[in-house]
């Protein structure tokens, strides 16, 4: 049997088998939340934001705030915590016209 024939045999064997169904794990639920309703996506983004802040990745956390339409809150937080960047300042007019 050649290598090509062995590969075809293995492929046909694996196609005939079905994978066992299992309960989704908590880690799996994070990925599938992107395909849920707006509340599920919001919760997923909030968890990701908290993880980014814990790792001191404030630019990433700010970007997630933008995705969630929380620009005003993000600009205020960056101002209070002395984390303003040129990028954040450039977006601040979107937060308020005052």
N, C-alpha and C. Protein backbone atom coordinates (compact mmCIF):
# COMPACT_ATOMS: atom_id res chain seq x y z
N UNK A 1 0.85 -1.17 0.00
CA UNK A 1 0.00 0.00 0.00
C UNK A 1 0.89 1.23 0.00
N UNK A 2 0.59 2.22 -0.84
CA UNK A 2 1.38 3.44 -0.90
C UNK A 2 0.92 4.42 0.16
N UNK A 3 1.73 5.46 0.35
CA UNK A 3 1.38 6.48 1.35
C UNK A 3 0.07 7.17 1.00
N UNK A 4 -0.19 7.41 -0.29
CA UNK A 4 -1.43 8.05 -0.71
C UNK A 4 -2.65 7.22 -0.37
N UNK A 5 -2.52 5.87 -0.59
CA UNK A 5 -3.64 4.98 -0.27
C UNK A 5 -3.88 4.94 1.24
N UNK A 6 -2.80 4.94 2.03
CA UNK A 6 -2.95 4.90 3.48
C UNK A 6 -3.63 6.16 3.98
N UNK A 7 -3.28 7.30 3.39
CA UNK A 7 -3.91 8.57 3.80
C UNK A 7 -5.39 8.56 3.49
N UNK A 8 -5.76 8.00 2.32
CA UNK A 8 -7.17 7.95 1.95
C UNK A 8 -7.94 7.03 2.88
N UNK A 9 -7.32 5.87 3.24
CA UNK A 9 -7.97 4.95 4.16
C UNK A 9 -8.19 5.61 5.52
N UNK A 10 -7.17 6.29 6.03
CA UNK A 10 -7.30 6.96 7.33
C UNK A 10 -8.36 8.05 7.28
N UNK A 11 -8.43 8.78 6.18
CA UNK A 11 -9.41 9.85 6.04
C UNK A 11 -10.82 9.28 6.01
N UNK A 12 -11.03 8.18 5.31
CA UNK A 12 -12.37 7.61 5.23
C UNK A 12 -12.78 7.02 6.58
N UNK A 13 -11.81 6.47 7.33
CA UNK A 13 -12.14 5.94 8.65
C UNK A 13 -12.54 7.07 9.59
N UNK A 14 -11.80 8.17 9.53
CA UNK A 14 -12.11 9.25 10.46
C UNK A 14 -13.41 9.96 10.08
N UNK A 15 -13.79 9.95 8.79
CA UNK A 15 -15.04 10.58 8.38
C UNK A 15 -16.24 9.77 8.84
N UNK A 16 -16.10 8.48 8.97
CA UNK A 16 -17.21 7.64 9.38
C UNK A 16 -17.50 7.71 10.87
N UNK A 17 -16.53 8.15 11.64
CA UNK A 17 -16.72 8.20 13.09
C UNK A 17 -17.34 9.52 13.49
N UNK A 18 -18.21 9.48 14.47
CA UNK A 18 -18.76 10.73 14.98
C UNK A 18 -18.11 11.04 16.32
N UNK A 19 -17.92 12.29 16.57
CA UNK A 19 -17.31 12.71 17.82
C UNK A 19 -18.33 12.63 18.94
N UNK A 20 -17.90 12.23 20.12
CA UNK A 20 -18.85 12.15 21.24
C UNK A 20 -19.31 13.56 21.63
N UNK A 21 -20.60 13.67 21.92
CA UNK A 21 -21.14 14.95 22.35
C UNK A 21 -20.80 15.14 23.83
N UNK A 22 -20.48 16.37 24.18
CA UNK A 22 -20.17 16.65 25.57
C UNK A 22 -20.75 18.00 25.94
N UNK A 23 -20.84 18.22 27.21
CA UNK A 23 -21.32 19.51 27.71
C UNK A 23 -20.28 20.57 27.40
N UNK A 24 -20.69 21.77 27.01
CA UNK A 24 -19.70 22.82 26.77
C UNK A 24 -19.04 23.23 28.07
N UNK A 25 -17.75 23.45 27.99
CA UNK A 25 -17.01 23.88 29.16
C UNK A 25 -17.16 25.39 29.31
N UNK A 26 -16.87 25.91 30.49
CA UNK A 26 -17.01 27.34 30.72
C UNK A 26 -16.14 28.15 29.77
N UNK A 27 -14.94 27.65 29.47
CA UNK A 27 -14.05 28.35 28.54
C UNK A 27 -14.66 28.40 27.14
N UNK A 28 -15.39 27.35 26.75
CA UNK A 28 -16.03 27.32 25.43
C UNK A 28 -17.14 28.36 25.34
N UNK A 29 -17.81 28.63 26.43
CA UNK A 29 -18.92 29.56 26.41
C UNK A 29 -18.47 30.97 26.05
N UNK A 30 -17.23 31.33 26.35
CA UNK A 30 -16.75 32.65 26.00
C UNK A 30 -16.71 32.86 24.51
N UNK A 31 -16.27 31.88 23.78
CA UNK A 31 -16.18 31.99 22.33
C UNK A 31 -17.57 32.02 21.70
N UNK A 32 -18.45 31.18 22.16
CA UNK A 32 -19.78 31.12 21.57
C UNK A 32 -20.63 32.32 21.94
N UNK A 33 -20.23 33.08 22.95
CA UNK A 33 -20.99 34.27 23.34
C UNK A 33 -21.00 35.31 22.24
N UNK A 34 -20.00 35.29 21.36
CA UNK A 34 -19.98 36.23 20.25
C UNK A 34 -21.16 35.99 19.31
N UNK A 35 -21.74 34.83 19.36
CA UNK A 35 -22.86 34.50 18.48
C UNK A 35 -24.19 34.56 19.22
N UNK A 36 -24.16 35.10 20.43
CA UNK A 36 -25.38 35.20 21.22
C UNK A 36 -26.03 36.56 21.07
N UNK A 37 -26.86 36.89 22.03
CA UNK A 37 -27.54 38.18 21.99
C UNK A 37 -26.60 39.29 22.48
N UNK A 38 -27.07 40.51 22.46
CA UNK A 38 -26.21 41.65 22.81
C UNK A 38 -25.76 41.59 24.27
N UNK A 39 -26.59 41.04 25.14
CA UNK A 39 -26.20 40.91 26.55
C UNK A 39 -25.03 39.95 26.71
N UNK A 40 -25.06 38.83 26.00
CA UNK A 40 -23.97 37.85 26.09
C UNK A 40 -22.67 38.43 25.55
N UNK A 41 -22.76 39.16 24.44
CA UNK A 41 -21.57 39.79 23.87
C UNK A 41 -21.04 40.85 24.83
N UNK A 42 -21.93 41.63 25.43
CA UNK A 42 -21.53 42.65 26.40
C UNK A 42 -20.80 42.05 27.59
N UNK A 43 -21.30 40.93 28.10
CA UNK A 43 -20.65 40.25 29.22
C UNK A 43 -19.28 39.73 28.82
N UNK A 44 -19.19 39.19 27.62
CA UNK A 44 -17.91 38.68 27.13
C UNK A 44 -16.89 39.81 27.02
N UNK A 45 -17.30 40.94 26.45
CA UNK A 45 -16.39 42.08 26.31
C UNK A 45 -16.00 42.65 27.67
N UNK A 46 -16.92 42.64 28.63
CA UNK A 46 -16.59 43.14 29.97
C UNK A 46 -15.56 42.24 30.66
N UNK A 47 -15.71 40.92 30.50
CA UNK A 47 -14.72 39.99 31.07
C UNK A 47 -13.36 40.19 30.42
N UNK A 48 -13.35 40.37 29.11
CA UNK A 48 -12.09 40.58 28.40
C UNK A 48 -11.46 41.91 28.83
N UNK A 49 -12.29 42.94 29.00
CA UNK A 49 -11.79 44.24 29.44
C UNK A 49 -11.15 44.13 30.83
N UNK A 50 -11.82 43.43 31.73
CA UNK A 50 -11.28 43.26 33.09
C UNK A 50 -9.93 42.53 33.04
N UNK A 51 -9.82 41.54 32.18
CA UNK A 51 -8.55 40.81 32.04
C UNK A 51 -7.46 41.72 31.50
N UNK A 52 -7.79 42.56 30.53
CA UNK A 52 -6.81 43.48 29.97
C UNK A 52 -6.35 44.50 31.01
N UNK A 53 -7.26 45.03 31.80
CA UNK A 53 -6.90 45.98 32.85
C UNK A 53 -6.01 45.30 33.89
N UNK A 54 -6.31 44.06 34.23
CA UNK A 54 -5.49 43.33 35.20
C UNK A 54 -4.07 43.13 34.70
N UNK A 55 -3.90 43.05 33.36
CA UNK A 55 -2.57 42.89 32.77
C UNK A 55 -1.94 44.22 32.37
N UNK A 56 -2.57 45.33 32.79
CA UNK A 56 -2.10 46.69 32.47
C UNK A 56 -2.07 46.99 30.98
N UNK A 57 -3.01 46.43 30.23
CA UNK A 57 -3.15 46.72 28.80
C UNK A 57 -4.33 47.69 28.63
N UNK A 58 -4.08 48.95 28.99
CA UNK A 58 -5.15 49.92 29.04
C UNK A 58 -5.64 50.35 27.66
N UNK A 59 -4.77 50.35 26.66
CA UNK A 59 -5.19 50.70 25.30
C UNK A 59 -6.21 49.67 24.79
N UNK A 60 -5.95 48.40 25.04
CA UNK A 60 -6.88 47.37 24.63
C UNK A 60 -8.22 47.49 25.34
N UNK A 61 -8.16 47.80 26.63
CA UNK A 61 -9.39 48.00 27.40
C UNK A 61 -10.18 49.19 26.86
N UNK A 62 -9.46 50.25 26.48
CA UNK A 62 -10.12 51.42 25.90
C UNK A 62 -10.79 51.06 24.58
N UNK A 63 -10.13 50.26 23.77
CA UNK A 63 -10.69 49.83 22.49
C UNK A 63 -11.98 49.03 22.72
N UNK A 64 -12.00 48.18 23.72
CA UNK A 64 -13.22 47.43 24.01
C UNK A 64 -14.34 48.36 24.47
N UNK A 65 -13.99 49.40 25.20
CA UNK A 65 -14.99 50.39 25.59
C UNK A 65 -15.59 51.07 24.37
N UNK A 66 -14.76 51.36 23.38
CA UNK A 66 -15.26 51.96 22.14
C UNK A 66 -16.23 51.00 21.46
N UNK A 67 -15.89 49.73 21.40
CA UNK A 67 -16.77 48.73 20.78
C UNK A 67 -18.11 48.69 21.49
N UNK A 68 -18.10 48.95 22.79
CA UNK A 68 -19.32 48.89 23.59
C UNK A 68 -20.02 50.24 23.66
N UNK A 69 -19.56 51.23 22.89
CA UNK A 69 -20.12 52.58 22.87
C UNK A 69 -20.06 53.26 24.23
N UNK A 70 -18.98 53.04 24.94
CA UNK A 70 -18.78 53.66 26.25
C UNK A 70 -17.58 54.60 26.20
N UNK A 71 -17.55 55.44 25.18
CA UNK A 71 -16.41 56.33 24.98
C UNK A 71 -16.30 57.33 26.11
N UNK A 72 -17.42 57.93 26.50
CA UNK A 72 -17.41 58.94 27.57
C UNK A 72 -16.83 58.35 28.86
N UNK A 73 -17.30 57.18 29.26
CA UNK A 73 -16.80 56.54 30.48
C UNK A 73 -15.31 56.24 30.37
N UNK A 74 -14.88 55.78 29.20
CA UNK A 74 -13.48 55.43 29.01
C UNK A 74 -12.58 56.66 29.07
N UNK A 75 -13.02 57.76 28.46
CA UNK A 75 -12.24 59.00 28.49
C UNK A 75 -12.16 59.54 29.92
N UNK A 76 -13.28 59.50 30.62
CA UNK A 76 -13.28 59.97 32.02
C UNK A 76 -12.35 59.13 32.89
N UNK A 77 -12.39 57.81 32.72
CA UNK A 77 -11.52 56.93 33.50
C UNK A 77 -10.05 57.18 33.19
N UNK A 78 -9.74 57.33 31.91
CA UNK A 78 -8.35 57.60 31.51
C UNK A 78 -7.87 58.93 32.07
N UNK A 79 -8.75 59.92 32.13
CA UNK A 79 -8.39 61.23 32.68
C UNK A 79 -8.13 61.13 34.18
N UNK A 80 -9.01 60.47 34.91
CA UNK A 80 -8.88 60.34 36.36
C UNK A 80 -7.62 59.57 36.75
N UNK A 81 -7.29 58.56 35.96
CA UNK A 81 -6.15 57.69 36.30
C UNK A 81 -4.86 58.09 35.59
N UNK A 82 -4.87 59.28 34.97
CA UNK A 82 -3.67 59.82 34.29
C UNK A 82 -3.12 58.86 33.24
N UNK A 83 -4.03 58.34 32.41
CA UNK A 83 -3.64 57.40 31.34
C UNK A 83 -4.00 57.94 29.96
N UNK A 84 -4.12 59.24 29.84
CA UNK A 84 -4.48 59.82 28.55
C UNK A 84 -3.36 59.61 27.55
N UNK A 85 -3.76 59.27 26.33
CA UNK A 85 -2.83 59.14 25.22
C UNK A 85 -3.33 60.05 24.10
N UNK A 86 -2.51 60.24 23.09
CA UNK A 86 -2.93 61.05 21.95
C UNK A 86 -4.19 60.47 21.31
N UNK A 87 -4.25 59.16 21.24
CA UNK A 87 -5.41 58.49 20.64
C UNK A 87 -6.68 58.78 21.43
N UNK A 88 -6.61 58.66 22.74
CA UNK A 88 -7.79 58.89 23.58
C UNK A 88 -8.23 60.35 23.47
N UNK A 89 -7.28 61.26 23.49
CA UNK A 89 -7.61 62.68 23.36
C UNK A 89 -8.27 62.94 22.01
N UNK A 90 -7.80 62.29 20.95
CA UNK A 90 -8.37 62.51 19.62
C UNK A 90 -9.82 62.03 19.54
N UNK A 91 -10.19 61.06 20.36
CA UNK A 91 -11.56 60.55 20.35
C UNK A 91 -12.46 61.26 21.35
N UNK A 92 -11.91 62.07 22.21
CA UNK A 92 -12.70 62.71 23.27
C UNK A 92 -13.83 63.58 22.74
N UNK A 93 -13.73 64.25 21.57
CA UNK A 93 -14.90 65.00 21.09
C UNK A 93 -16.13 64.11 20.85
N UNK A 94 -15.92 62.85 20.61
CA UNK A 94 -17.04 61.94 20.41
C UNK A 94 -17.78 61.67 21.72
N UNK A 95 -17.10 61.89 22.85
CA UNK A 95 -17.70 61.62 24.14
C UNK A 95 -18.66 62.73 24.56
N UNK A 96 -18.30 63.95 24.24
CA UNK A 96 -19.14 65.08 24.64
C UNK A 96 -18.74 66.31 23.86
N UNK A 97 -19.70 67.15 23.60
CA UNK A 97 -19.37 68.40 22.92
C UNK A 97 -19.17 69.54 23.90
N UNK A 98 -19.24 69.26 25.20
CA UNK A 98 -19.03 70.29 26.22
C UNK A 98 -17.57 70.51 26.47
